[in-house]
Amino acid sequence: MTDKDTSTSLSSTVMDSPMGPLTIVANDAGLRAVLWPGDDPARVPLGETAKTTNHPVLVAAVDQLSEYFAGDRQRFDLLLDPIGTDFQQSAWMALRAIPYGTTVSYGEQAAAMGDKRKARAVGAANGRNPISIIVPCHRVVGSNGSLTGFAGGLESKQWLLDHESKTAQLSEIETVSTQ
């Protein structure tokens, strides 16, 4: 995939989250962006969007994100339509392979993509990830396990990791108790 035409009709809505309001952007092809409060418009250039609450992709995204925040969803099932270079697209696909409740380093992500020497390029691609949370760039940490840059801020990244860790542990307990 390559950079796509950004002139397609985009719809947006805002939903509340534990980290503040998130702006959700979509078109008929799929989800284009999940943006943080105060997100830099240059990070994810979108152009004009029409505010709505009834676009089917937006409705599904809000429903699934609400389930995620409630601890009831670990995988998203949404059509995605991010704009990015071929390398960015491959980095974002690698993000989607990181299991819920776990973390990997940028070097590990780069190795999974075929070249562990591209950790910095992977970090730059992750920084341009337009679909936060659903394409889980928050699951990537520094080589020493430290939290590093995140468009939503390090407090939001920590919240997401803590949330996933807690709900993943609860899921394991529920699975063991039902066997």
Foldseek 3Di string as FASTA:
>chain_A
DAFDDLPAAKEWEWDQAPLGIWIWIDHPQWTAATAAVVFDCVLAPRPDYHYDCPDVRNVLVNVQVVCVRVLNDFAHDIRYDYGHGPVLVLLLVLLNVDGFLAAEELLVSVVVSPDSVCSVVSVSSLSSPRYDPNSDPLRYDHPVRHRDDDSNDPVVSVVRNVSRNVSVVVVVVVVVVVD
